[in-house]
Amino acid sequence: MADGEEVTLDGRPLHLLRVADLKAALEQRGLAKSGQKSALIKRLRGALMLENLQKHSSPHPTFQPNSQVRPPQNPPNSPQNLRSLPKFSGTHPKFP
């Protein structure tokens, strides 16, 4: 969607929809349906834009899903890395 292009649902601008219609559309998408009408519109607009992007984008030919990416050899919180941290004495300097 180009900048300035209004997001619509079934050909109708979101601000013209009733709150009940907005809530129904949000519920269909598994999104929260609480809040004022402006919040519902904002939430639904984001969901519709994402749906549109996913529908019209094509996967990159060299794209590899995350499941095929190897994890780092030593994650930051691994026991090997935690052993090299200085020991905490339990005291801290007092600040004025």
PDB file of N, CA and C in Angstrom:
ATOM      1  N   MET A   1       0.824  -1.171   0.000  1.00  0.00           N
ATOM      2  CA  MET A   1       0.000   0.000   0.000  1.00  0.00           C
ATOM      3  C   MET A   1       0.873   1.240   0.000  1.00  0.00           C
ATOM      4  N   ALA A   2       0.571   2.124  -0.861  1.00  0.00           N
ATOM      5  CA  ALA A   2       1.362   3.335  -0.975  1.00  0.00           C
ATOM      6  C   ALA A   2       1.036   4.279   0.175  1.00  0.00           C
ATOM      7  N   ASP A   3       1.973   5.193   0.437  1.00  0.00           N
ATOM      8  CA  ASP A   3       1.713   6.184   1.467  1.00  0.00           C
ATOM      9  C   ASP A   3       0.471   6.983   1.097  1.00  0.00           C
ATOM     10  N   GLY A   4      -0.369   7.237   2.075  1.00  0.00           N
ATOM     11  CA  GLY A   4      -1.565   8.012   1.834  1.00  0.00           C
ATOM     12  C   GLY A   4      -2.737   7.175   1.358  1.00  0.00           C
ATOM     13  N   GLU A   5      -2.487   5.930   0.955  1.00  0.00           N
ATOM     14  CA  GLU A   5      -3.574   5.063   0.518  1.00  0.00           C
ATOM     15  C   GLU A   5      -4.303   4.543   1.752  1.00  0.00           C
ATOM     16  N   GLU A   6      -5.621   4.684   1.746  1.00  0.00           N
ATOM     17  CA  GLU A   6      -6.404   4.287   2.909  1.00  0.00           C
ATOM     18  C   GLU A   6      -6.602   2.779   2.948  1.00  0.00           C
ATOM     19  N   VAL A   7      -6.474   2.214   4.145  1.00  0.00           N
ATOM     20  CA  VAL A   7      -6.691   0.792   4.342  1.00  0.00           C
ATOM     21  C   VAL A   7      -8.194   0.562   4.428  1.00  0.00           C
ATOM     22  N   THR A   8      -8.667  -0.467   3.737  1.00  0.00           N
ATOM     23  CA  THR A   8     -10.101  -0.763   3.742  1.00  0.00           C
ATOM     24  C   THR A   8     -10.334  -2.214   4.117  1.00  0.00           C
ATOM     25  N   LEU A   9     -11.550  -2.487   4.546  1.00  0.00           N
ATOM     26  CA  LEU A   9     -11.990  -3.845   4.827  1.00  0.00           C
ATOM     27  C   LEU A   9     -13.249  -4.066   4.020  1.00  0.00           C
ATOM     28  N   ASP A  10     -13.203  -5.016   3.124  1.00  0.00           N
ATOM     29  CA  ASP A  10     -14.322  -5.273   2.207  1.00  0.00           C
ATOM     30  C   ASP A  10     -14.706  -4.014   1.436  1.00  0.00           C
ATOM     31  N   GLY A  11     -13.702  -3.230   1.058  1.00  0.00           N
ATOM     32  CA  GLY A  11     -13.925  -2.029   0.257  1.00  0.00           C
ATOM     33  C   GLY A  11     -14.404  -0.818   1.041  1.00  0.00           C
ATOM     34  N   ARG A  12     -14.517  -0.943   2.356  1.00  0.00           N
ATOM     35  CA  ARG A  12     -14.989   0.183   3.174  1.00  0.00           C
ATOM     36  C   ARG A  12     -13.853   0.711   4.047  1.00  0.00           C
ATOM     37  N   PRO A  13     -13.669   2.039   4.085  1.00  0.00           N
ATOM     38  CA  PRO A  13     -12.644   2.610   4.961  1.00  0.00           C
ATOM     39  C   PRO A  13     -12.915   2.231   6.422  1.00  0.00           C
ATOM     40  N   LEU A  14     -11.862   1.979   7.165  1.00  0.00           N
ATOM     41  CA  LEU A  14     -12.015   1.503   8.539  1.00  0.00           C
ATOM     42  C   LEU A  14     -12.788   2.485   9.417  1.00  0.00           C
ATOM     43  N   HIS A  15     -12.589   3.778   9.209  1.00  0.00           N
ATOM     44  CA  HIS A  15     -13.262   4.750  10.084  1.00  0.00           C
ATOM     45  C   HIS A  15     -14.772   4.787   9.872  1.00  0.00           C
ATOM     46  N   LEU A  16     -15.261   4.201   8.772  1.00  0.00           N
ATOM     47  CA  LEU A  16     -16.695   4.157   8.527  1.00  0.00           C
ATOM     48  C   LEU A  16     -17.350   2.888   9.102  1.00  0.00           C
ATOM     49  N   LEU A  17     -16.552   1.937   9.556  1.00  0.00           N
ATOM     50  CA  LEU A  17     -17.083   0.705  10.126  1.00  0.00           C
ATOM     51  C   LEU A  17     -17.608   0.949  11.534  1.00  0.00           C
ATOM     52  N   ARG A  18     -18.606   0.173  11.924  1.00  0.00           N
ATOM     53  CA  ARG A  18     -19.113   0.239  13.296  1.00  0.00           C
ATOM     54  C   ARG A  18     -18.118  -0.458  14.226  1.00  0.00           C
ATOM     55  N   VAL A  19     -18.158  -0.100  15.496  1.00  0.00           N
ATOM     56  CA  VAL A  19     -17.270  -0.711  16.480  1.00  0.00           C
ATOM     57  C   VAL A  19     -17.482  -2.226  16.494  1.00  0.00           C
ATOM     58  N   ALA A  20     -18.719  -2.670  16.394  1.00  0.00           N
ATOM     59  CA  ALA A  20     -19.001  -4.109  16.384  1.00  0.00           C
ATOM     60  C   ALA A  20     -18.319  -4.794  15.199  1.00  0.00           C
ATOM     61  N   ASP A  21     -18.310  -4.123  14.039  1.00  0.00           N
ATOM     62  CA  ASP A  21     -17.650  -4.698  12.859  1.00  0.00           C
ATOM     63  C   ASP A  21     -16.135  -4.747  13.048  1.00  0.00           C
ATOM     64  N   LEU A  22     -15.584  -3.701  13.638  1.00  0.00           N
ATOM     65  CA  LEU A  22     -14.140  -3.670  13.908  1.00  0.00           C
ATOM     66  C   LEU A  22     -13.754  -4.794  14.864  1.00  0.00           C
ATOM     67  N   LYS A  23     -14.551  -4.961  15.922  1.00  0.00           N
ATOM     68  CA  LYS A  23     -14.263  -6.011  16.903  1.00  0.00           C
ATOM     69  C   LYS A  23     -14.367  -7.393  16.273  1.00  0.00           C
ATOM     70  N   ALA A  24     -15.345  -7.594  15.406  1.00  0.00           N
ATOM     71  CA  ALA A  24     -15.493  -8.891  14.739  1.00  0.00           C
ATOM     72  C   ALA A  24     -14.290  -9.187  13.851  1.00  0.00           C
ATOM     73  N   ALA A  25     -13.808  -8.169  13.128  1.00  0.00           N
ATOM     74  CA  ALA A  25     -12.646  -8.351  12.256  1.00  0.00           C
ATOM     75  C   ALA A  25     -11.393  -8.639  13.077  1.00  0.00           C
ATOM     76  N   LEU A  26     -11.266  -7.982  14.223  1.00  0.00           N
ATOM     77  CA  LEU A  26     -10.117  -8.230  15.096  1.00  0.00           C
ATOM     78  C   LEU A  26     -10.191  -9.636  15.687  1.00  0.00           C
ATOM     79  N   GLU A  27     -11.393 -10.049  16.086  1.00  0.00           N
ATOM     80  CA  GLU A  27     -11.552 -11.374  16.664  1.00  0.00           C
ATOM     81  C   GLU A  27     -11.208 -12.457  15.645  1.00  0.00           C
ATOM     82  N   GLN A  28     -11.577 -12.259  14.391  1.00  0.00           N
ATOM     83  CA  GLN A  28     -11.242 -13.223  13.339  1.00  0.00           C
ATOM     84  C   GLN A  28      -9.740 -13.406  13.212  1.00  0.00           C
ATOM     85  N   ARG A  29      -8.993 -12.374  13.539  1.00  0.00           N
ATOM     86  CA  ARG A  29      -7.537 -12.407  13.399  1.00  0.00           C
ATOM     87  C   ARG A  29      -6.833 -12.741  14.719  1.00  0.00           C
ATOM     88  N   GLY A  30      -7.617 -13.034  15.750  1.00  0.00           N
ATOM     89  CA  GLY A  30      -7.036 -13.400  17.041  1.00  0.00           C
ATOM     90  C   GLY A  30      -6.412 -12.231  17.771  1.00  0.00           C
ATOM     91  N   LEU A  31      -6.885 -11.026  17.497  1.00  0.00           N
ATOM     92  CA  LEU A  31      -6.333  -9.825  18.121  1.00  0.00           C
ATOM     93  C   LEU A  31      -7.267  -9.302  19.205  1.00  0.00           C
ATOM     94  N   ALA A  32      -6.719  -8.507  20.107  1.00  0.00           N
ATOM     95  CA  ALA A  32      -7.508  -7.911  21.182  1.00  0.00           C
ATOM     96  C   ALA A  32      -8.592  -7.019  20.597  1.00  0.00           C
ATOM     97  N   LYS A  33      -9.761  -7.071  21.196  1.00  0.00           N
ATOM     98  CA  LYS A  33     -10.880  -6.278  20.696  1.00  0.00           C
ATOM     99  C   LYS A  33     -11.373  -5.276  21.733  1.00  0.00           C
ATOM    100  N   SER A  34     -10.484  -4.876  22.620  1.00  0.00           N
ATOM    101  CA  SER A  34     -10.846  -3.894  23.632  1.00  0.00           C
ATOM    102  C   SER A  34     -10.245  -2.539  23.268  1.00  0.00           C
ATOM    103  N   GLY A  35     -10.865  -1.492  23.780  1.00  0.00           N
ATOM    104  CA  GLY A  35     -10.359  -0.145  23.561  1.00  0.00           C
ATOM    105  C   GLY A  35     -11.339   0.716  22.806  1.00  0.00           C
ATOM    106  N   GLN A  36     -10.943   1.957  22.641  1.00  0.00           N
ATOM    107  CA  GLN A  36     -11.781   2.901  21.919  1.00  0.00           C
ATOM    108  C   GLN A  36     -11.695   2.629  20.423  1.00  0.00           C
ATOM    109  N   LYS A  37     -12.614   3.204  19.685  1.00  0.00           N
ATOM    110  CA  LYS A  37     -12.691   2.954  18.243  1.00  0.00           C
ATOM    111  C   LYS A  37     -11.365   3.279  17.551  1.00  0.00           C
ATOM    112  N   SER A  38     -10.723   4.369  17.961  1.00  0.00           N
ATOM    113  CA  SER A  38      -9.451   4.741  17.321  1.00  0.00           C
ATOM    114  C   SER A  38      -8.387   3.663  17.537  1.00  0.00           C
ATOM    115  N   ALA A  39      -8.381   3.043  18.719  1.00  0.00           N
ATOM    116  CA  ALA A  39      -7.416   1.977  19.002  1.00  0.00           C
ATOM    117  C   ALA A  39      -7.743   0.730  18.184  1.00  0.00           C
ATOM    118  N   LEU A  40      -9.032   0.435  18.039  1.00  0.00           N
ATOM    119  CA  LEU A  40      -9.443  -0.721  17.243  1.00  0.00           C
ATOM    120  C   LEU A  40      -9.035  -0.540  15.784  1.00  0.00           C
ATOM    121  N   ILE A  41      -9.243   0.677  15.267  1.00  0.00           N
ATOM    122  CA  ILE A  41      -8.881   0.980  13.885  1.00  0.00           C
ATOM    123  C   ILE A  41      -7.379   0.826  13.682  1.00  0.00           C
ATOM    124  N   LYS A  42      -6.614   1.363  14.618  1.00  0.00           N
ATOM    125  CA  LYS A  42      -5.152   1.300  14.510  1.00  0.00           C
ATOM    126  C   LYS A  42      -4.680  -0.163  14.516  1.00  0.00           C
ATOM    127  N   ARG A  43      -5.247  -0.969  15.413  1.00  0.00           N
ATOM    128  CA  ARG A  43      -4.863  -2.376  15.519  1.00  0.00           C
ATOM    129  C   ARG A  43      -5.243  -3.143  14.254  1.00  0.00           C
ATOM    130  N   LEU A  44      -6.445  -2.897  13.760  1.00  0.00           N
ATOM    131  CA  LEU A  44      -6.904  -3.587  12.564  1.00  0.00           C
ATOM    132  C   LEU A  44      -6.134  -3.129  11.331  1.00  0.00           C
ATOM    133  N   ARG A  45      -5.823  -1.839  11.253  1.00  0.00           N
ATOM    134  CA  ARG A  45      -5.049  -1.321  10.121  1.00  0.00           C
ATOM    135  C   ARG A  45      -3.701  -2.035  10.041  1.00  0.00           C
ATOM    136  N   GLY A  46      -3.040  -2.183  11.176  1.00  0.00           N
ATOM    137  CA  GLY A  46      -1.753  -2.876  11.199  1.00  0.00           C
ATOM    138  C   GLY A  46      -1.869  -4.315  10.732  1.00  0.00           C
ATOM    139  N   ALA A  47      -2.916  -5.001  11.191  1.00  0.00           N
ATOM    140  CA  ALA A  47      -3.117  -6.399  10.796  1.00  0.00           C
ATOM    141  C   ALA A  47      -3.398  -6.511   9.307  1.00  0.00           C
ATOM    142  N   LEU A  48      -4.235  -5.617   8.781  1.00  0.00           N
ATOM    143  CA  LEU A  48      -4.568  -5.664   7.358  1.00  0.00           C
ATOM    144  C   LEU A  48      -3.356  -5.337   6.489  1.00  0.00           C
ATOM    145  N   MET A  49      -2.550  -4.391   6.933  1.00  0.00           N
ATOM    146  CA  MET A  49      -1.342  -4.047   6.174  1.00  0.00           C
ATOM    147  C   MET A  49      -0.378  -5.230   6.156  1.00  0.00           C
ATOM    148  N   LEU A  50      -0.240  -5.914   7.288  1.00  0.00           N
ATOM    149  CA  LEU A  50       0.638  -7.081   7.350  1.00  0.00           C
ATOM    150  C   LEU A  50       0.111  -8.201   6.457  1.00  0.00           C
ATOM    151  N   GLU A  51      -1.208  -8.433   6.494  1.00  0.00           N
ATOM    152  CA  GLU A  51      -1.796  -9.450   5.628  1.00  0.00           C
ATOM    153  C   GLU A  51      -1.538  -9.132   4.162  1.00  0.00           C
ATOM    154  N   ASN A  52      -1.712  -7.877   3.807  1.00  0.00           N
ATOM    155  CA  ASN A  52      -1.501  -7.453   2.421  1.00  0.00           C
ATOM    156  C   ASN A  52      -0.044  -7.645   2.013  1.00  0.00           C
ATOM    157  N   LEU A  53       0.870  -7.298   2.900  1.00  0.00           N
ATOM    158  CA  LEU A  53       2.291  -7.459   2.625  1.00  0.00           C
ATOM    159  C   LEU A  53       2.641  -8.931   2.430  1.00  0.00           C
ATOM    160  N   GLN A  54       2.108  -9.780   3.301  1.00  0.00           N
ATOM    161  CA  GLN A  54       2.402 -11.208   3.196  1.00  0.00           C
ATOM    162  C   GLN A  54       1.799 -11.808   1.934  1.00  0.00           C
ATOM    163  N   LYS A  55       0.637 -11.321   1.541  1.00  0.00           N
ATOM    164  CA  LYS A  55      -0.045 -11.848   0.364  1.00  0.00           C
ATOM    165  C   LYS A  55       0.700 -11.478  -0.915  1.00  0.00           C
ATOM    166  N   HIS A  56       1.279 -10.285  -0.950  1.00  0.00           N
ATOM    167  CA  HIS A  56       1.888  -9.794  -2.179  1.00  0.00           C
ATOM    168  C   HIS A  56       3.402  -9.913  -2.226  1.00  0.00           C
ATOM    169  N   SER A  57       4.013 -10.447  -1.197  1.00  0.00           N
ATOM    170  CA  SER A  57       5.469 -10.594  -1.226  1.00  0.00           C
ATOM    171  C   SER A  57       5.825 -12.013  -1.640  1.00  0.00           C
ATOM    172  N   SER A  58       6.927 -12.128  -2.343  1.00  0.00           N
ATOM    173  CA  SER A  58       7.384 -13.458  -2.745  1.00  0.00           C
ATOM    174  C   SER A  58       8.653 -13.777  -1.968  1.00  0.00           C
ATOM    175  N   PRO A  59       8.839 -15.036  -1.595  1.00  0.00           N
ATOM    176  CA  PRO A  59      10.034 -15.391  -0.845  1.00  0.00           C
ATOM    177  C   PRO A  59      11.289 -15.197  -1.690  1.00  0.00           C
ATOM    178  N   HIS A  60      12.342 -14.789  -1.042  1.00  0.00           N
ATOM    179  CA  HIS A  60      13.633 -14.607  -1.695  1.00  0.00           C
ATOM    180  C   HIS A  60      14.173 -15.979  -2.081  1.00  0.00           C
ATOM    181  N   PRO A  61      14.734 -16.133  -3.280  1.00  0.00           N
ATOM    182  CA  PRO A  61      15.193 -17.462  -3.719  1.00  0.00           C
ATOM    183  C   PRO A  61      16.269 -18.080  -2.828  1.00  0.00           C
ATOM    184  N   THR A  62      17.051 -17.262  -2.131  1.00  0.00           N
ATOM    185  CA  THR A  62      18.091 -17.822  -1.263  1.00  0.00           C
ATOM    186  C   THR A  62      17.704 -17.792   0.200  1.00  0.00           C
ATOM    187  N   PHE A  63      16.437 -17.491   0.486  1.00  0.00           N
ATOM    188  CA  PHE A  63      15.963 -17.421   1.864  1.00  0.00           C
ATOM    189  C   PHE A  63      16.016 -18.794   2.508  1.00  0.00           C
ATOM    190  N   GLN A  64      16.533 -18.831   3.737  1.00  0.00           N
ATOM    191  CA  GLN A  64      16.542 -20.066   4.502  1.00  0.00           C
ATOM    192  C   GLN A  64      15.816 -19.813   5.811  1.00  0.00           C
ATOM    193  N   PRO A  65      14.869 -20.674   6.173  1.00  0.00           N
ATOM    194  CA  PRO A  65      14.149 -20.468   7.424  1.00  0.00           C
ATOM    195  C   PRO A  65      15.075 -20.556   8.627  1.00  0.00           C
ATOM    196  N   ASN A  66      14.673 -19.934   9.730  1.00  0.00           N
ATOM    197  CA  ASN A  66      15.491 -19.919  10.938  1.00  0.00           C
ATOM    198  C   ASN A  66      15.793 -21.309  11.463  1.00  0.00           C
ATOM    199  N   SER A  67      14.930 -22.265  11.188  1.00  0.00           N
ATOM    200  CA  SER A  67      15.147 -23.609  11.708  1.00  0.00           C
ATOM    201  C   SER A  67      16.428 -24.231  11.164  1.00  0.00           C
ATOM    202  N   GLN A  68      16.964 -23.699  10.081  1.00  0.00           N
ATOM    203  CA  GLN A  68      18.181 -24.253   9.510  1.00  0.00           C
ATOM    204  C   GLN A  68      19.426 -23.479   9.937  1.00  0.00           C
ATOM    205  N   VAL A  69      19.246 -22.436  10.707  1.00  0.00           N
ATOM    206  CA  VAL A  69      20.377 -21.645  11.172  1.00  0.00           C
ATOM    207  C   VAL A  69      20.955 -22.325  12.409  1.00  0.00           C
ATOM    208  N   ARG A  70      22.256 -22.493  12.422  1.00  0.00           N
ATOM    209  CA  ARG A  70      22.893 -23.140  13.567  1.00  0.00           C
ATOM    210  C   ARG A  70      22.947 -22.181  14.755  1.00  0.00           C
ATOM    211  N   PRO A  71      22.718 -22.689  15.965  1.00  0.00           N
ATOM    212  CA  PRO A  71      22.851 -21.833  17.147  1.00  0.00           C
ATOM    213  C   PRO A  71      24.323 -21.531  17.398  1.00  0.00           C
ATOM    214  N   PRO A  72      24.617 -20.441  18.077  1.00  0.00           N
ATOM    215  CA  PRO A  72      26.023 -20.127  18.370  1.00  0.00           C
ATOM    216  C   PRO A  72      26.634 -21.225  19.231  1.00  0.00           C
ATOM    217  N   GLN A  73      27.955 -21.394  19.108  1.00  0.00           N
ATOM    218  CA  GLN A  73      28.648 -22.453  19.839  1.00  0.00           C
ATOM    219  C   GLN A  73      28.501 -22.293  21.351  1.00  0.00           C
ATOM    220  N   ASN A  74      28.700 -21.083  21.848  1.00  0.00           N
ATOM    221  CA  ASN A  74      28.554 -20.801  23.276  1.00  0.00           C
ATOM    222  C   ASN A  74      27.592 -19.635  23.448  1.00  0.00           C
ATOM    223  N   PRO A  75      26.307 -19.911  23.683  1.00  0.00           N
ATOM    224  CA  PRO A  75      25.366 -18.804  23.891  1.00  0.00           C
ATOM    225  C   PRO A  75      25.815 -17.941  25.063  1.00  0.00           C
ATOM    226  N   PRO A  76      25.406 -16.669  25.106  1.00  0.00           N
ATOM    227  CA  PRO A  76      25.873 -15.745  26.143  1.00  0.00           C
ATOM    228  C   PRO A  76      25.650 -16.244  27.564  1.00  0.00           C
ATOM    229  N   ASN A  77      24.597 -16.998  27.822  1.00  0.00           N
ATOM    230  CA  ASN A  77      24.339 -17.454  29.189  1.00  0.00           C
ATOM    231  C   ASN A  77      24.738 -18.908  29.412  1.00  0.00           C
ATOM    232  N   SER A  78      25.645 -19.409  28.573  1.00  0.00           N
ATOM    233  CA  SER A  78      26.080 -20.796  28.739  1.00  0.00           C
ATOM    234  C   SER A  78      26.987 -20.903  29.969  1.00  0.00           C
ATOM    235  N   PRO A  79      27.058 -22.086  30.575  1.00  0.00           N
ATOM    236  CA  PRO A  79      27.905 -22.269  31.764  1.00  0.00           C
ATOM    237  C   PRO A  79      29.368 -21.913  31.498  1.00  0.00           C
ATOM    238  N   GLN A  80      29.855 -22.170  30.280  1.00  0.00           N
ATOM    239  CA  GLN A  80      31.241 -21.845  29.966  1.00  0.00           C
ATOM    240  C   GLN A  80      31.487 -20.342  30.097  1.00  0.00           C
ATOM    241  N   ASN A  81      30.562 -19.547  29.605  1.00  0.00           N
ATOM    242  CA  ASN A  81      30.734 -18.096  29.666  1.00  0.00           C
ATOM    243  C   ASN A  81      30.455 -17.554  31.062  1.00  0.00           C
ATOM    244  N   LEU A  82      29.552 -18.180  31.819  1.00  0.00           N
ATOM    245  CA  LEU A  82      29.239 -17.695  33.160  1.00  0.00           C
ATOM    246  C   LEU A  82      30.400 -17.925  34.116  1.00  0.00           C
ATOM    247  N   ARG A  83      31.193 -18.968  33.890  1.00  0.00           N
ATOM    248  CA  ARG A  83      32.342 -19.230  34.767  1.00  0.00           C
ATOM    249  C   ARG A  83      33.390 -18.129  34.673  1.00  0.00           C
ATOM    250  N   SER A  84      33.460 -17.469  33.535  1.00  0.00           N
ATOM    251  CA  SER A  84      34.502 -16.451  33.361  1.00  0.00           C
ATOM    252  C   SER A  84      34.105 -15.100  33.949  1.00  0.00           C
ATOM    253  N   LEU A  85      32.869 -14.954  34.439  1.00  0.00           N
ATOM    254  CA  LEU A  85      32.438 -13.693  35.019  1.00  0.00           C
ATOM    255  C   LEU A  85      33.028 -13.526  36.419  1.00  0.00           C
ATOM    256  N   PRO A  86      33.311 -12.279  36.823  1.00  0.00           N
ATOM    257  CA  PRO A  86      33.825 -12.075  38.184  1.00  0.00           C
ATOM    258  C   PRO A  86      32.758 -12.438  39.215  1.00  0.00           C
ATOM    259  N   LYS A  87      33.175 -12.885  40.360  1.00  0.00           N
ATOM    260  CA  LYS A  87      32.261 -13.267  41.429  1.00  0.00           C
ATOM    261  C   LYS A  87      31.716 -12.010  42.105  1.00  0.00           C
ATOM    262  N   PHE A  88      30.453 -12.046  42.484  1.00  0.00           N
ATOM    263  CA  PHE A  88      29.815 -10.927  43.153  1.00  0.00           C
ATOM    264  C   PHE A  88      30.035 -11.088  44.646  1.00  0.00           C
ATOM    265  N   SER A  89      30.549 -10.041  45.286  1.00  0.00           N
ATOM    266  CA  SER A  89      30.883 -10.129  46.705  1.00  0.00           C
ATOM    267  C   SER A  89      29.677  -9.896  47.602  1.00  0.00           C
ATOM    268  N   GLY A  90      28.597  -9.371  47.072  1.00  0.00           N
ATOM    269  CA  GLY A  90      27.415  -9.116  47.887  1.00  0.00           C
ATOM    270  C   GLY A  90      27.396  -7.707  48.464  1.00  0.00           C
ATOM    271  N   THR A  91      28.418  -6.927  48.217  1.00  0.00           N
ATOM    272  CA  THR A  91      28.439  -5.555  48.719  1.00  0.00           C
ATOM    273  C   THR A  91      28.551  -4.602  47.538  1.00  0.00           C
ATOM    274  N   HIS A  92      28.154  -3.390  47.750  1.00  0.00           N
ATOM    275  CA  HIS A  92      28.282  -2.385  46.697  1.00  0.00           C
ATOM    276  C   HIS A  92      28.692  -1.074  47.349  1.00  0.00           C
ATOM    277  N   PRO A  93      29.326  -0.211  46.581  1.00  0.00           N
ATOM    278  CA  PRO A  93      29.742   1.078  47.156  1.00  0.00           C
ATOM    279  C   PRO A  93      28.507   1.907  47.507  1.00  0.00           C
ATOM    280  N   LYS A  94      28.653   2.681  48.554  1.00  0.00           N
ATOM    281  CA  LYS A  94      27.551   3.545  48.962  1.00  0.00           C
ATOM    282  C   LYS A  94      27.694   4.883  48.234  1.00  0.00           C
ATOM    283  N   PHE A  95      26.564   5.344  47.757  1.00  0.00           N
ATOM    284  CA  PHE A  95      26.565   6.613  47.042  1.00  0.00           C
ATOM    285  C   PHE A  95      25.959   7.689  47.934  1.00  0.00           C
ATOM    286  N   PRO A  96      26.500   8.914  47.850  1.00  0.00           N
ATOM    287  CA  PRO A  96      25.975  10.000  48.703  1.00  0.00           C
ATOM    288  C   PRO A  96      24.561  10.377  48.339  1.00  0.00           C
TER     289      PRO A  96
END
